Amino acid sequence: MNELDLTPGQYLAFILITLVLLAYELYRFYNDSEIIELPDKPQEEPASQQLNPNYGAYIWLAGRRYN
């Protein structure tokens, strides 16, 4: 802790205060957090049914042209 020019006693007090503040923040975070419930999603179609029928041809042409 050369940057702060602390004596060993000040360094110990700094670490203890920092740990107490961290413990308090963690305690507050875990006890005050609300439980968020997500709404149910309607069932979506599988990805294979959402694709354009020409998708495979596009992939085939892109592979032939650029590779």
PDB file of N, CA and C in Angstrom:
ATOM      1  N   MET A   1       0.829  -1.190   0.000  1.00  0.00           N
ATOM      2  CA  MET A   1       0.000   0.000   0.000  1.00  0.00           C
ATOM      3  C   MET A   1       0.873   1.253   0.000  1.00  0.00           C
ATOM      4  N   ASN A   2       1.937   1.235  -0.760  1.00  0.00           N
ATOM      5  CA  ASN A   2       2.818   2.389  -0.824  1.00  0.00           C
ATOM      6  C   ASN A   2       2.129   3.598  -1.434  1.00  0.00           C
ATOM      7  N   GLU A   3       1.163   3.370  -2.311  1.00  0.00           N
ATOM      8  CA  GLU A   3       0.495   4.485  -2.967  1.00  0.00           C
ATOM      9  C   GLU A   3      -0.300   5.331  -1.980  1.00  0.00           C
ATOM     10  N   LEU A   4      -0.816   4.706  -0.923  1.00  0.00           N
ATOM     11  CA  LEU A   4      -1.631   5.433   0.045  1.00  0.00           C
ATOM     12  C   LEU A   4      -0.831   5.894   1.258  1.00  0.00           C
ATOM     13  N   ASP A   5       0.403   5.453   1.410  1.00  0.00           N
ATOM     14  CA  ASP A   5       1.248   5.780   2.561  1.00  0.00           C
ATOM     15  C   ASP A   5       0.537   5.492   3.885  1.00  0.00           C
ATOM     16  N   LEU A   6       0.072   4.252   4.039  1.00  0.00           N
ATOM     17  CA  LEU A   6      -0.624   3.854   5.259  1.00  0.00           C
ATOM     18  C   LEU A   6       0.333   3.127   6.189  1.00  0.00           C
ATOM     19  N   THR A   7       0.143   3.352   7.464  1.00  0.00           N
ATOM     20  CA  THR A   7       0.877   2.583   8.463  1.00  0.00           C
ATOM     21  C   THR A   7       0.213   1.216   8.571  1.00  0.00           C
ATOM     22  N   PRO A   8       0.877   0.246   9.167  1.00  0.00           N
ATOM     23  CA  PRO A   8       0.242  -1.072   9.299  1.00  0.00           C
ATOM     24  C   PRO A   8      -1.105  -1.022  10.030  1.00  0.00           C
ATOM     25  N   GLY A   9      -1.239  -0.194  11.033  1.00  0.00           N
ATOM     26  CA  GLY A   9      -2.519  -0.076  11.742  1.00  0.00           C
ATOM     27  C   GLY A   9      -3.597   0.526  10.858  1.00  0.00           C
ATOM     28  N   GLN A  10      -3.240   1.542  10.084  1.00  0.00           N
ATOM     29  CA  GLN A  10      -4.208   2.149   9.174  1.00  0.00           C
ATOM     30  C   GLN A  10      -4.589   1.168   8.071  1.00  0.00           C
ATOM     31  N   TYR A  11      -3.613   0.406   7.605  1.00  0.00           N
ATOM     32  CA  TYR A  11      -3.877  -0.592   6.577  1.00  0.00           C
ATOM     33  C   TYR A  11      -4.851  -1.647   7.093  1.00  0.00           C
ATOM     34  N   LEU A  12      -4.642  -2.113   8.313  1.00  0.00           N
ATOM     35  CA  LEU A  12      -5.530  -3.106   8.910  1.00  0.00           C
ATOM     36  C   LEU A  12      -6.939  -2.544   9.075  1.00  0.00           C
ATOM     37  N   ALA A  13      -7.052  -1.303   9.531  1.00  0.00           N
ATOM     38  CA  ALA A  13      -8.364  -0.675   9.687  1.00  0.00           C
ATOM     39  C   ALA A  13      -9.041  -0.520   8.328  1.00  0.00           C
ATOM     40  N   PHE A  14      -8.284  -0.151   7.321  1.00  0.00           N
ATOM     41  CA  PHE A  14      -8.832   0.000   5.967  1.00  0.00           C
ATOM     42  C   PHE A  14      -9.388  -1.325   5.453  1.00  0.00           C
ATOM     43  N   ILE A  15      -8.641  -2.404   5.629  1.00  0.00           N
ATOM     44  CA  ILE A  15      -9.092  -3.723   5.179  1.00  0.00           C
ATOM     45  C   ILE A  15     -10.334  -4.155   5.943  1.00  0.00           C
ATOM     46  N   LEU A  16     -10.366  -3.957   7.257  1.00  0.00           N
ATOM     47  CA  LEU A  16     -11.532  -4.350   8.052  1.00  0.00           C
ATOM     48  C   LEU A  16     -12.773  -3.570   7.642  1.00  0.00           C
ATOM     49  N   ILE A  17     -12.641  -2.276   7.449  1.00  0.00           N
ATOM     50  CA  ILE A  17     -13.785  -1.455   7.034  1.00  0.00           C
ATOM     51  C   ILE A  17     -14.268  -1.882   5.656  1.00  0.00           C
ATOM     52  N   THR A  18     -13.335  -2.163   4.758  1.00  0.00           N
ATOM     53  CA  THR A  18     -13.708  -2.614   3.415  1.00  0.00           C
ATOM     54  C   THR A  18     -14.451  -3.943   3.473  1.00  0.00           C
ATOM     55  N   LEU A  19     -13.986  -4.875   4.293  1.00  0.00           N
ATOM     56  CA  LEU A  19     -14.658  -6.171   4.417  1.00  0.00           C
ATOM     57  C   LEU A  19     -16.045  -6.030   5.036  1.00  0.00           C
ATOM     58  N   VAL A  20     -16.191  -5.154   6.030  1.00  0.00           N
ATOM     59  CA  VAL A  20     -17.502  -4.928   6.646  1.00  0.00           C
ATOM     60  C   VAL A  20     -18.461  -4.333   5.623  1.00  0.00           C
ATOM     61  N   LEU A  21     -18.000  -3.371   4.841  1.00  0.00           N
ATOM     62  CA  LEU A  21     -18.865  -2.779   3.814  1.00  0.00           C
ATOM     63  C   LEU A  21     -19.250  -3.801   2.753  1.00  0.00           C
ATOM     64  N   LEU A  22     -18.322  -4.648   2.363  1.00  0.00           N
ATOM     65  CA  LEU A  22     -18.625  -5.696   1.394  1.00  0.00           C
ATOM     66  C   LEU A  22     -19.655  -6.673   1.956  1.00  0.00           C
ATOM     67  N   ALA A  23     -19.482  -7.085   3.200  1.00  0.00           N
ATOM     68  CA  ALA A  23     -20.437  -8.002   3.824  1.00  0.00           C
ATOM     69  C   ALA A  23     -21.817  -7.365   3.919  1.00  0.00           C
ATOM     70  N   TYR A  24     -21.879  -6.089   4.254  1.00  0.00           N
ATOM     71  CA  TYR A  24     -23.163  -5.392   4.340  1.00  0.00           C
ATOM     72  C   TYR A  24     -23.844  -5.325   2.977  1.00  0.00           C
ATOM     73  N   GLU A  25     -23.081  -5.001   1.937  1.00  0.00           N
ATOM     74  CA  GLU A  25     -23.664  -4.935   0.594  1.00  0.00           C
ATOM     75  C   GLU A  25     -24.172  -6.297   0.146  1.00  0.00           C
ATOM     76  N   LEU A  26     -23.423  -7.359   0.419  1.00  0.00           N
ATOM     77  CA  LEU A  26     -23.880  -8.697   0.052  1.00  0.00           C
ATOM     78  C   LEU A  26     -25.128  -9.091   0.835  1.00  0.00           C
ATOM     79  N   TYR A  27     -25.166  -8.774   2.118  1.00  0.00           N
ATOM     80  CA  TYR A  27     -26.340  -9.061   2.939  1.00  0.00           C
ATOM     81  C   TYR A  27     -27.557  -8.323   2.396  1.00  0.00           C
ATOM     82  N   ARG A  28     -27.379  -7.049   2.086  1.00  0.00           N
ATOM     83  CA  ARG A  28     -28.483  -6.246   1.564  1.00  0.00           C
ATOM     84  C   ARG A  28     -28.934  -6.754   0.198  1.00  0.00           C
ATOM     85  N   PHE A  29     -27.996  -7.169  -0.638  1.00  0.00           N
ATOM     86  CA  PHE A  29     -28.334  -7.667  -1.968  1.00  0.00           C
ATOM     87  C   PHE A  29     -29.160  -8.940  -1.885  1.00  0.00           C
ATOM     88  N   TYR A  30     -28.747  -9.887  -1.042  1.00  0.00           N
ATOM     89  CA  TYR A  30     -29.444 -11.166  -0.975  1.00  0.00           C
ATOM     90  C   TYR A  30     -30.775 -11.077  -0.240  1.00  0.00           C
ATOM     91  N   ASN A  31     -30.936 -10.170   0.685  1.00  0.00           N
ATOM     92  CA  ASN A  31     -32.176 -10.102   1.449  1.00  0.00           C
ATOM     93  C   ASN A  31     -33.208  -9.150   0.858  1.00  0.00           C
ATOM     94  N   ASP A  32     -32.780  -8.162   0.111  1.00  0.00           N
ATOM     95  CA  ASP A  32     -33.721  -7.191  -0.430  1.00  0.00           C
ATOM     96  C   ASP A  32     -34.086  -7.444  -1.883  1.00  0.00           C
ATOM     97  N   SER A  33     -33.469  -8.424  -2.519  1.00  0.00           N
ATOM     98  CA  SER A  33     -33.759  -8.650  -3.931  1.00  0.00           C
ATOM     99  C   SER A  33     -35.144  -9.270  -4.075  1.00  0.00           C
ATOM    100  N   GLU A  34     -35.853  -8.813  -5.081  1.00  0.00           N
ATOM    101  CA  GLU A  34     -37.188  -9.328  -5.348  1.00  0.00           C
ATOM    102  C   GLU A  34     -37.084 -10.518  -6.292  1.00  0.00           C
ATOM    103  N   ILE A  35     -38.045 -11.404  -6.186  1.00  0.00           N
ATOM    104  CA  ILE A  35     -38.098 -12.537  -7.101  1.00  0.00           C
ATOM    105  C   ILE A  35     -38.914 -12.102  -8.310  1.00  0.00           C
ATOM    106  N   ILE A  36     -38.296 -12.180  -9.463  1.00  0.00           N
ATOM    107  CA  ILE A  36     -38.949 -11.756 -10.696  1.00  0.00           C
ATOM    108  C   ILE A  36     -39.505 -12.992 -11.387  1.00  0.00           C
ATOM    109  N   GLU A  37     -40.797 -12.967 -11.662  1.00  0.00           N
ATOM    110  CA  GLU A  37     -41.418 -14.076 -12.365  1.00  0.00           C
ATOM    111  C   GLU A  37     -41.644 -13.669 -13.811  1.00  0.00           C
ATOM    112  N   LEU A  38     -41.181 -14.502 -14.707  1.00  0.00           N
ATOM    113  CA  LEU A  38     -41.343 -14.226 -16.123  1.00  0.00           C
ATOM    114  C   LEU A  38     -42.694 -14.743 -16.589  1.00  0.00           C
ATOM    115  N   PRO A  39     -43.346 -14.006 -17.477  1.00  0.00           N
ATOM    116  CA  PRO A  39     -44.623 -14.497 -18.001  1.00  0.00           C
ATOM    117  C   PRO A  39     -44.388 -15.711 -18.898  1.00  0.00           C
ATOM    118  N   ASP A  40     -45.380 -16.584 -18.934  1.00  0.00           N
ATOM    119  CA  ASP A  40     -45.266 -17.769 -19.778  1.00  0.00           C
ATOM    120  C   ASP A  40     -45.331 -17.361 -21.241  1.00  0.00           C
ATOM    121  N   LYS A  41     -44.432 -17.930 -22.030  1.00  0.00           N
ATOM    122  CA  LYS A  41     -44.411 -17.644 -23.464  1.00  0.00           C
ATOM    123  C   LYS A  41     -45.309 -18.645 -24.183  1.00  0.00           C
ATOM    124  N   PRO A  42     -45.992 -18.197 -25.213  1.00  0.00           N
ATOM    125  CA  PRO A  42     -46.734 -19.173 -26.021  1.00  0.00           C
ATOM    126  C   PRO A  42     -45.741 -20.040 -26.798  1.00  0.00           C
ATOM    127  N   GLN A  43     -46.141 -21.246 -27.088  1.00  0.00           N
ATOM    128  CA  GLN A  43     -45.256 -22.150 -27.811  1.00  0.00           C
ATOM    129  C   GLN A  43     -44.988 -21.604 -29.206  1.00  0.00           C
ATOM    130  N   GLU A  44     -43.711 -21.532 -29.555  1.00  0.00           N
ATOM    131  CA  GLU A  44     -43.330 -21.062 -30.880  1.00  0.00           C
ATOM    132  C   GLU A  44     -43.104 -22.257 -31.793  1.00  0.00           C
ATOM    133  N   GLU A  45     -43.169 -21.987 -33.092  1.00  0.00           N
ATOM    134  CA  GLU A  45     -42.914 -23.043 -34.056  1.00  0.00           C
ATOM    135  C   GLU A  45     -41.431 -23.409 -34.014  1.00  0.00           C
ATOM    136  N   PRO A  46     -41.106 -24.651 -34.285  1.00  0.00           N
ATOM    137  CA  PRO A  46     -39.687 -25.010 -34.359  1.00  0.00           C
ATOM    138  C   PRO A  46     -38.985 -24.195 -35.443  1.00  0.00           C
ATOM    139  N   ALA A  47     -37.688 -24.037 -35.291  1.00  0.00           N
ATOM    140  CA  ALA A  47     -36.926 -23.207 -36.226  1.00  0.00           C
ATOM    141  C   ALA A  47     -36.997 -23.736 -37.649  1.00  0.00           C
ATOM    142  N   SER A  48     -37.124 -25.042 -37.808  1.00  0.00           N
ATOM    143  CA  SER A  48     -37.161 -25.602 -39.164  1.00  0.00           C
ATOM    144  C   SER A  48     -38.416 -25.167 -39.914  1.00  0.00           C
ATOM    145  N   GLN A  49     -39.495 -24.870 -39.223  1.00  0.00           N
ATOM    146  CA  GLN A  49     -40.718 -24.442 -39.892  1.00  0.00           C
ATOM    147  C   GLN A  49     -40.715 -22.949 -40.185  1.00  0.00           C
ATOM    148  N   GLN A  50     -39.827 -22.183 -39.553  1.00  0.00           N
ATOM    149  CA  GLN A  50     -39.784 -20.752 -39.768  1.00  0.00           C
ATOM    150  C   GLN A  50     -38.874 -20.365 -40.928  1.00  0.00           C
ATOM    151  N   LEU A  51     -38.049 -21.273 -41.420  1.00  0.00           N
ATOM    152  CA  LEU A  51     -37.085 -20.948 -42.454  1.00  0.00           C
ATOM    153  C   LEU A  51     -37.752 -20.825 -43.817  1.00  0.00           C
ATOM    154  N   ASN A  52     -37.140 -20.015 -44.645  1.00  0.00           N
ATOM    155  CA  ASN A  52     -37.566 -19.871 -46.027  1.00  0.00           C
ATOM    156  C   ASN A  52     -37.260 -21.174 -46.760  1.00  0.00           C
ATOM    157  N   PRO A  53     -38.127 -21.640 -47.639  1.00  0.00           N
ATOM    158  CA  PRO A  53     -37.847 -22.895 -48.346  1.00  0.00           C
ATOM    159  C   PRO A  53     -36.607 -22.809 -49.236  1.00  0.00           C
ATOM    160  N   ASN A  54     -36.207 -21.622 -49.634  1.00  0.00           N
ATOM    161  CA  ASN A  54     -35.031 -21.465 -50.491  1.00  0.00           C
ATOM    162  C   ASN A  54     -33.744 -21.296 -49.690  1.00  0.00           C
ATOM    163  N   TYR A  55     -33.805 -21.455 -48.391  1.00  0.00           N
ATOM    164  CA  TYR A  55     -32.641 -21.226 -47.539  1.00  0.00           C
ATOM    165  C   TYR A  55     -31.503 -22.185 -47.877  1.00  0.00           C
ATOM    166  N   GLY A  56     -31.809 -23.431 -48.097  1.00  0.00           N
ATOM    167  CA  GLY A  56     -30.773 -24.414 -48.420  1.00  0.00           C
ATOM    168  C   GLY A  56     -30.088 -24.105 -49.733  1.00  0.00           C
ATOM    169  N   ALA A  57     -30.851 -23.655 -50.727  1.00  0.00           N
ATOM    170  CA  ALA A  57     -30.257 -23.296 -52.013  1.00  0.00           C
ATOM    171  C   ALA A  57     -29.324 -22.107 -51.855  1.00  0.00           C
ATOM    172  N   TYR A  58     -29.692 -21.160 -51.027  1.00  0.00           N
ATOM    173  CA  TYR A  58     -28.845 -19.993 -50.788  1.00  0.00           C
ATOM    174  C   TYR A  58     -27.525 -20.419 -50.162  1.00  0.00           C
ATOM    175  N   ILE A  59     -27.579 -21.287 -49.181  1.00  0.00           N
ATOM    176  CA  ILE A  59     -26.364 -21.758 -48.523  1.00  0.00           C
ATOM    177  C   ILE A  59     -25.495 -22.517 -49.515  1.00  0.00           C
ATOM    178  N   TRP A  60     -26.109 -23.332 -50.354  1.00  0.00           N
ATOM    179  CA  TRP A  60     -25.353 -24.096 -51.337  1.00  0.00           C
ATOM    180  C   TRP A  60     -24.657 -23.166 -52.324  1.00  0.00           C
ATOM    181  N   LEU A  61     -25.370 -22.152 -52.825  1.00  0.00           N
ATOM    182  CA  LEU A  61     -24.773 -21.213 -53.771  1.00  0.00           C
ATOM    183  C   LEU A  61     -23.674 -20.382 -53.121  1.00  0.00           C
ATOM    184  N   ALA A  62     -23.881 -19.958 -51.893  1.00  0.00           N
ATOM    185  CA  ALA A  62     -22.867 -19.165 -51.207  1.00  0.00           C
ATOM    186  C   ALA A  62     -21.601 -19.986 -51.013  1.00  0.00           C
ATOM    187  N   GLY A  63     -21.748 -21.247 -50.699  1.00  0.00           N
ATOM    188  CA  GLY A  63     -20.585 -22.103 -50.521  1.00  0.00           C
ATOM    189  C   GLY A  63     -19.836 -22.328 -51.818  1.00  0.00           C
ATOM    190  N   ARG A  64     -20.542 -22.451 -52.923  1.00  0.00           N
ATOM    191  CA  ARG A  64     -19.889 -22.671 -54.213  1.00  0.00           C
ATOM    192  C   ARG A  64     -19.197 -21.410 -54.705  1.00  0.00           C
ATOM    193  N   ARG A  65     -19.768 -20.261 -54.417  1.00  0.00           N
ATOM    194  CA  ARG A  65     -19.211 -19.017 -54.954  1.00  0.00           C
ATOM    195  C   ARG A  65     -17.986 -18.554 -54.174  1.00  0.00           C
ATOM    196  N   TYR A  66     -18.021 -18.653 -52.844  1.00  0.00           N
ATOM    197  CA  TYR A  66     -16.967 -18.068 -52.030  1.00  0.00           C
ATOM    198  C   TYR A  66     -15.938 -19.072 -51.538  1.00  0.00           C
ATOM    199  N   ASN A  67     -16.124 -20.334 -51.800  1.00  0.00           N
ATOM    200  CA  ASN A  67     -15.140 -21.321 -51.319  1.00  0.00           C
ATOM    201  C   ASN A  67     -14.461 -21.994 -52.475  1.00  0.00           C
TER     202      ASN A  67
END
